[in-house]
Protein backbone atom coordinates (compact mmCIF):
# COMPACT_ATOMS: atom_id res chain seq x y z
CA MET A 1 229.93 28.47 -7.46
CA SER A 2 228.58 24.67 -8.70
CA GLU A 3 226.08 25.77 -5.87
CA PHE A 4 225.10 29.01 -7.69
CA LEU A 5 224.78 27.60 -11.17
CA ASP A 6 222.10 24.85 -9.58
CA ILE A 7 219.99 27.83 -8.16
CA LEU A 8 220.16 30.32 -11.24
CA ARG A 9 219.52 26.79 -12.98
CA PHE A 10 216.90 26.28 -10.17
CA SER A 11 215.03 30.12 -10.74
CA PHE A 12 215.45 30.04 -14.72
CA SER A 13 213.84 26.99 -14.88
CA VAL A 14 211.18 28.59 -13.25
CA THR A 15 210.82 32.07 -14.84
CA GLY A 16 212.14 30.81 -18.01
CA PRO A 17 209.00 29.40 -19.67
CA ILE A 18 207.49 32.99 -18.88
CA PHE A 19 210.01 34.78 -21.01
CA VAL A 20 209.16 32.37 -23.10
CA ILE A 21 205.73 33.29 -23.87
CA LEU A 22 206.08 36.83 -23.01
CA GLY A 23 208.00 36.74 -26.50
CA LEU A 24 205.69 34.97 -28.09
CA GLY A 25 203.05 37.77 -27.52
CA ILE A 26 206.18 40.46 -29.21
CA VAL A 27 206.26 38.08 -31.85
CA LEU A 28 202.13 36.85 -32.45
CA MET A 29 201.35 40.86 -32.15
CA ARG A 30 203.93 41.89 -34.84
CA ALA A 31 202.63 39.54 -36.90
CA GLY A 32 199.44 40.44 -36.50
CA MET A 33 197.51 37.67 -35.12
CA ILE A 34 196.82 39.02 -31.71
CA THR A 35 195.37 42.44 -32.14
CA ASP A 36 194.23 45.06 -29.62
CA ALA A 37 190.49 43.57 -29.22
CA PHE A 38 192.15 40.30 -28.49
CA ILE A 39 194.15 42.02 -26.12
CA GLU A 40 190.78 44.13 -24.82
CA SER A 41 188.72 40.53 -24.22
CA GLY A 42 191.68 38.44 -23.08
CA THR A 43 192.57 40.50 -20.32
CA ARG A 44 188.92 40.93 -19.29
CA LEU A 45 188.54 37.31 -19.15
CA VAL A 46 191.40 36.86 -17.28
CA PHE A 47 190.80 39.94 -15.08
CA ASN A 48 186.97 38.41 -14.29
CA VAL A 49 187.52 35.01 -14.69
CA ALA A 50 190.38 32.62 -15.42
CA LEU A 51 191.71 34.40 -11.96
CA PRO A 52 189.34 34.34 -9.98
CA ALA A 53 189.13 30.38 -10.85
CA LEU A 54 193.04 29.49 -10.23
CA LEU A 55 192.62 31.42 -6.44
CA PHE A 56 189.88 30.33 -5.42
CA ILE A 57 191.18 26.33 -6.25
CA SER A 58 194.55 27.22 -4.85
CA ILE A 59 193.31 28.06 -1.94
CA GLY A 60 189.59 26.31 -1.23
CA LYS A 61 192.60 23.32 -1.18
CA THR A 62 194.42 24.35 1.45
CA ARG A 63 193.75 23.53 4.84
CA ILE A 64 193.53 26.47 6.96
CA GLY A 65 194.88 25.26 10.92
CA VAL A 66 197.46 22.96 9.60
CA ALA A 67 199.48 25.06 6.83
CA THR A 68 201.17 27.90 8.35
CA ASN A 69 202.64 29.69 10.62
CA PRO A 70 200.32 32.82 11.45
CA ALA A 71 203.59 34.97 12.97
CA LEU A 72 204.74 34.83 9.37
CA ILE A 73 201.15 36.01 8.09
CA ALA A 74 200.83 38.35 10.60
CA PHE A 75 204.16 39.41 10.04
CA GLY A 76 203.31 39.36 6.19
CA MET A 77 200.39 40.92 6.34
CA VAL A 78 201.95 44.31 8.38
CA ALA A 79 205.34 44.26 6.05
CA THR A 80 202.74 44.61 2.70
CA LEU A 81 201.20 47.55 5.03
CA GLY A 82 204.14 49.12 5.91
CA VAL A 83 205.63 49.01 1.79
CA TYR A 84 202.48 50.44 0.34
CA ALA A 85 202.17 53.34 2.56
CA LEU A 86 206.31 54.02 1.79
CA LEU A 87 205.98 53.33 -1.70
CA GLU A 88 202.42 56.15 -1.54
CA TRP A 89 204.96 58.44 0.10
CA TYR A 90 207.26 58.73 -2.06
CA ALA A 91 205.29 58.23 -5.13
CA ALA A 92 202.98 61.31 -3.73
CA ARG A 93 206.54 63.50 -4.34
CA LYS A 94 208.27 61.87 -7.09
CA VAL A 95 206.42 60.11 -9.27
CA PHE A 96 205.13 62.18 -12.38
CA PRO A 97 202.72 62.12 -14.48
CA GLU A 98 199.68 61.88 -11.36
CA SER A 99 198.61 59.17 -12.88
CA ASP A 100 201.20 56.69 -12.85
CA ARG A 101 201.54 56.81 -9.75
CA GLY A 102 199.19 53.92 -8.94
CA VAL A 103 200.64 51.59 -11.10
CA VAL A 104 204.18 52.58 -9.76
CA VAL A 105 203.08 52.20 -6.11
CA GLN A 106 201.32 48.83 -7.20
CA GLY A 107 204.11 47.72 -9.37
CA GLY A 108 206.53 47.98 -6.18
CA PHE A 109 204.98 45.68 -3.54
CA ARG A 110 202.27 43.35 -5.62
CA SER A 111 204.31 40.72 -6.39
CA ASN A 112 203.64 37.49 -8.63
CA MET A 113 202.66 34.94 -5.25
CA GLY A 114 200.49 32.84 -6.98
CA ILE A 115 202.44 31.71 -9.99
CA ILE A 116 206.59 32.15 -9.67
CA GLY A 117 206.15 32.80 -5.65
CA LEU A 118 204.28 29.76 -5.22
CA ALA A 119 207.18 28.33 -7.28
CA TYR A 120 210.01 28.95 -6.05
CA CYS A 121 208.44 28.03 -2.65
CA VAL A 122 207.50 24.12 -3.57
CA ASN A 123 211.13 23.59 -5.13
CA ALA A 124 212.83 25.12 -2.73
CA TYR A 125 211.15 23.22 0.33
CA GLY A 126 208.92 20.63 -1.21
CA GLU A 127 205.50 19.98 -0.19
CA ALA A 128 206.45 21.74 2.58
CA GLY A 129 207.28 24.79 1.25
CA LEU A 130 203.79 24.14 -0.25
CA LEU A 131 202.12 24.16 2.80
CA ALA A 132 204.23 26.96 4.73
CA SER A 133 203.61 29.53 1.66
CA SER A 134 199.84 28.62 0.47
CA LEU A 135 197.88 29.61 3.36
CA TYR A 136 200.54 32.84 3.31
CA LEU A 137 200.03 33.29 -0.39
CA GLY A 138 195.65 33.29 0.29
CA LEU A 139 195.40 36.07 2.47
CA VAL A 140 199.15 38.05 1.67
CA THR A 141 197.01 38.48 -1.90
CA ILE A 142 193.68 39.60 -0.25
CA LEU A 143 195.31 42.90 1.15
CA PHE A 144 197.27 43.03 -2.25
CA ASN A 145 193.95 43.45 -4.20
CA ILE A 146 192.82 45.76 -1.62
CA LEU A 147 195.59 48.19 -1.69
CA SER A 148 195.89 47.39 -4.37
CA VAL A 149 191.88 49.03 -5.61
CA ILE A 150 193.21 51.58 -3.20
CA THR A 151 195.82 53.14 -4.87
CA LEU A 152 194.96 52.88 -8.92
CA SER A 153 191.17 54.25 -8.19
CA ARG A 154 193.39 57.51 -6.28
CA SER A 155 195.63 57.60 -8.92
CA LEU A 156 193.48 57.74 -11.67
CA HIS A 157 190.33 58.77 -9.98
CA GLN A 158 190.49 61.68 -8.15
CA ARG A 159 187.50 63.04 -6.76
CA GLN A 160 186.09 59.53 -6.33
CA GLY A 161 184.87 58.94 -2.17
CA ALA A 162 186.14 56.78 0.32
CA TRP A 163 182.28 55.25 -0.85
CA ARG A 164 182.60 54.01 -4.60
CA ILE A 165 186.64 52.63 -3.17
CA VAL A 166 184.63 50.13 -0.71
CA LYS A 167 182.55 49.65 -3.49
CA GLY A 168 185.00 48.67 -5.95
CA ILE A 169 186.89 47.02 -3.44
CA ALA A 170 184.19 44.86 -2.61
CA THR A 171 183.19 44.05 -6.22
CA ASN A 172 186.88 42.96 -7.37
CA PRO A 173 185.92 39.24 -8.69
CA LEU A 174 190.02 38.82 -7.29
CA ILE A 175 188.31 39.83 -3.84
CA ILE A 176 185.60 37.87 -4.28
CA ALA A 177 186.70 34.56 -5.19
CA ILE A 178 188.85 34.82 -2.21
CA GLY A 179 186.95 34.93 -0.08
CA LEU A 180 184.42 32.68 -1.47
CA ALA A 181 187.19 29.98 -1.32
CA LEU A 182 188.25 30.90 2.47
CA PRO A 183 185.29 28.98 4.32
CA VAL A 184 185.24 26.06 1.52
CA SER A 185 188.64 25.99 3.34
CA TRP A 186 188.55 26.48 6.69
CA PHE A 187 185.22 24.00 7.00
CA ASP A 188 187.27 21.34 4.35
CA ILE A 189 184.36 21.96 2.54
CA LYS A 190 184.10 18.32 -0.48
CA LEU A 191 183.38 20.20 -3.57
CA PRO A 192 181.87 18.59 -6.85
CA ALA A 193 184.44 16.81 -9.19
CA LEU A 194 182.46 18.87 -11.82
CA LEU A 195 183.03 21.72 -10.37
CA LEU A 196 186.76 21.46 -9.84
CA GLN A 197 188.05 20.41 -13.07
CA SER A 198 185.55 22.71 -14.89
CA GLY A 199 187.39 25.68 -12.27
CA GLN A 200 190.69 24.20 -12.86
CA TYR A 201 190.32 24.60 -16.63
CA PHE A 202 189.87 28.70 -16.56
CA ALA A 203 192.53 28.25 -13.72
CA ASP A 204 195.07 26.69 -16.40
CA LEU A 205 194.55 29.05 -18.44
CA THR A 206 195.40 32.39 -16.28
CA LEU A 207 199.02 32.27 -17.31
CA PRO A 208 199.35 32.13 -20.85
CA LEU A 209 196.75 34.38 -21.75
CA ALA A 210 197.45 37.18 -19.17
CA LEU A 211 201.09 36.48 -19.93
CA LEU A 212 200.48 37.21 -24.43
CA CYS A 213 198.29 40.05 -23.49
CA THR A 214 201.24 41.32 -21.35
CA GLY A 215 203.88 40.66 -24.46
CA ALA A 216 201.65 41.89 -26.72
CA SER A 217 201.59 45.19 -24.56
CA LEU A 218 205.06 45.61 -25.33
CA ASN A 219 206.02 48.84 -26.87
CA PHE A 220 209.65 49.23 -27.29
CA ARG A 221 210.17 52.48 -28.58
CA THR A 222 208.15 53.81 -25.78
CA LEU A 223 209.88 52.01 -23.41
CA ARG A 224 212.90 55.00 -22.77
CA VAL A 225 209.60 57.69 -21.86
CA GLU A 226 208.69 55.32 -19.20
CA MET A 227 211.81 54.50 -18.37
CA GLY A 228 212.59 56.34 -15.06
CA ASN A 229 208.63 55.28 -13.54
CA THR A 230 209.75 51.72 -14.91
CA LEU A 231 213.01 51.37 -13.18
CA VAL A 232 211.63 52.98 -9.92
CA ALA A 233 208.90 50.47 -9.48
CA ALA A 234 211.18 47.00 -10.52
CA GLY A 235 214.18 48.60 -8.29
CA CYS A 236 211.73 48.24 -5.34
CA LYS A 237 210.04 45.34 -6.21
CA LEU A 238 213.63 43.89 -6.81
CA VAL A 239 215.31 44.49 -4.27
CA ALA A 240 214.39 47.20 -1.36
CA VAL A 241 211.05 45.43 -0.91
CA PRO A 242 213.19 41.85 -0.25
CA LEU A 243 215.48 43.39 1.87
CA LEU A 244 213.13 45.02 3.67
CA PHE A 245 211.03 42.00 3.98
CA THR A 246 214.18 39.11 5.12
CA LEU A 247 216.27 41.51 7.07
CA ALA A 248 212.88 42.34 9.52
CA GLY A 249 211.67 39.31 9.42
CA ALA A 250 215.48 37.95 10.60
CA LEU A 251 215.46 40.53 13.25
CA LEU A 252 212.22 39.20 14.73
CA GLY A 253 213.11 35.79 14.86
CA PHE A 254 212.20 34.18 11.28
CA ARG A 255 214.67 30.75 10.12
CA GLY A 256 214.26 28.47 8.02
CA ILE A 257 211.53 27.57 6.03
CA ASP A 258 209.57 30.90 7.57
CA LEU A 259 212.42 33.07 6.26
CA GLY A 260 212.71 31.59 2.89
CA VAL A 261 209.38 32.52 2.65
CA LEU A 262 209.09 35.57 3.13
CA LEU A 263 211.94 35.77 1.22
CA LEU A 264 210.64 33.99 -2.05
CA MET A 265 207.57 35.70 -1.81
CA SER A 266 208.74 39.12 -1.56
CA SER A 267 211.46 39.06 -4.45
CA ALA A 268 208.84 37.15 -7.07
CA PRO A 269 208.15 39.35 -9.43
CA THR A 270 205.57 41.82 -9.65
CA ALA A 271 202.02 40.05 -10.42
CA ALA A 272 201.11 39.94 -13.80
CA ALA A 273 197.40 40.49 -12.71
CA SER A 274 198.90 43.93 -12.13
CA TYR A 275 198.84 45.04 -15.72
CA VAL A 276 195.03 42.73 -16.17
CA MET A 277 193.75 45.87 -13.58
CA VAL A 278 195.29 48.44 -14.95
CA ARG A 279 194.95 47.76 -18.49
CA ALA A 280 190.57 47.44 -16.90
CA MET A 281 191.20 50.49 -15.35
CA GLY A 282 191.46 52.72 -18.23
CA GLY A 283 195.50 53.25 -16.25
CA ASN A 284 198.30 53.53 -18.29
CA ALA A 285 198.75 49.34 -19.67
CA THR A 286 202.37 50.33 -20.78
CA LEU A 287 203.91 51.16 -17.96
CA ALA A 288 202.51 48.53 -16.00
CA ALA A 289 203.52 45.24 -18.32
CA ASN A 290 207.03 46.84 -18.91
CA ILE A 291 207.13 46.51 -14.88
CA VAL A 292 205.87 42.80 -14.92
CA ALA A 293 208.88 42.50 -18.49
CA LEU A 294 211.58 43.91 -15.85
CA THR A 295 211.18 42.62 -12.79
CA THR A 296 210.05 39.20 -14.20
CA LEU A 297 213.80 39.47 -15.65
CA GLY A 298 215.70 40.55 -12.89
CA SER A 299 213.87 38.61 -10.39
CA LEU A 300 215.90 35.07 -12.11
CA PHE A 301 218.87 36.80 -10.81
CA THR A 302 217.94 38.48 -7.72
CA THR A 303 216.36 35.64 -6.38
CA SER A 304 219.61 33.87 -6.45
CA LEU A 305 221.54 36.14 -4.99
CA GLY A 306 219.15 36.34 -2.13
CA ILE A 307 218.77 32.60 -1.91
CA MET A 308 222.96 32.41 -1.78
CA ALA A 309 222.86 35.22 0.91
CA LEU A 310 220.67 33.82 2.95
CA LYS A 311 222.21 29.48 2.38
CA SER A 312 225.65 31.29 3.72
CA LEU A 313 224.61 32.81 6.61
CA GLY A 314 222.69 29.19 7.39
CA MET A 315 219.18 31.10 7.80
CA MET A 316 217.45 29.44 4.97
């Protein structure tokens, strides 16, 4: 019982501040201190500047070749593609209206690895967790963003051709930032201190601003209307995806820190960036915000249970 309470306290220490900022966004919106114009400007700033800065700096500081197990990264990418394909198949048959399919699919597979997932790994394994998860985070994030652009483009712009989807992927600020960071990491390029410090200021802006805008966008009066699709995405993100990743990883022989990284990264809640992307692309931002909020709350419990299960089996 004490072990479970320790894990619960650890999980809440990571996710608790996020709940506070989401709640603050709700309060400030109702008090009139945050407006729709602020949300619009804030989300664009996060999507185009702050979040790319966060990804560039975090990946640029990681040494490729020293950090992680290539088999772990390969598994993460293949498993992500498999989950994405299953969600697309399900959404095409069960999710309505059609314009919400991309929001549900993205909410079901896209983890908040860069903030909560990474924090889980560092708290569980320290520096070893950071090294094991950083390159995994960078490369799987590229895939997350590519798949997110594809699914949202398909559901929001049904007649959009393949070239426009490719162009949307190539011009996505998040993908550009990761693409620029990989050679910096690979060749161990030392960036000027001025650039690093300036970029870090923007990177530090990402989480509070994204979550303030997410909280301010929550509309509890429409939650019951959106609840069906919200629960579908949340159930996939919190239960189905971590189970698939962890069970498949265990069957393939991953153990210890590698299996722990798979569990912690896949059980992280839906990324706040998913809301930013949906709003920027003109999708159902309320549904996206509800998925982020519900999975962030639920991850506190499901992640703790997953850790307890693996530890009790001696696999983590």
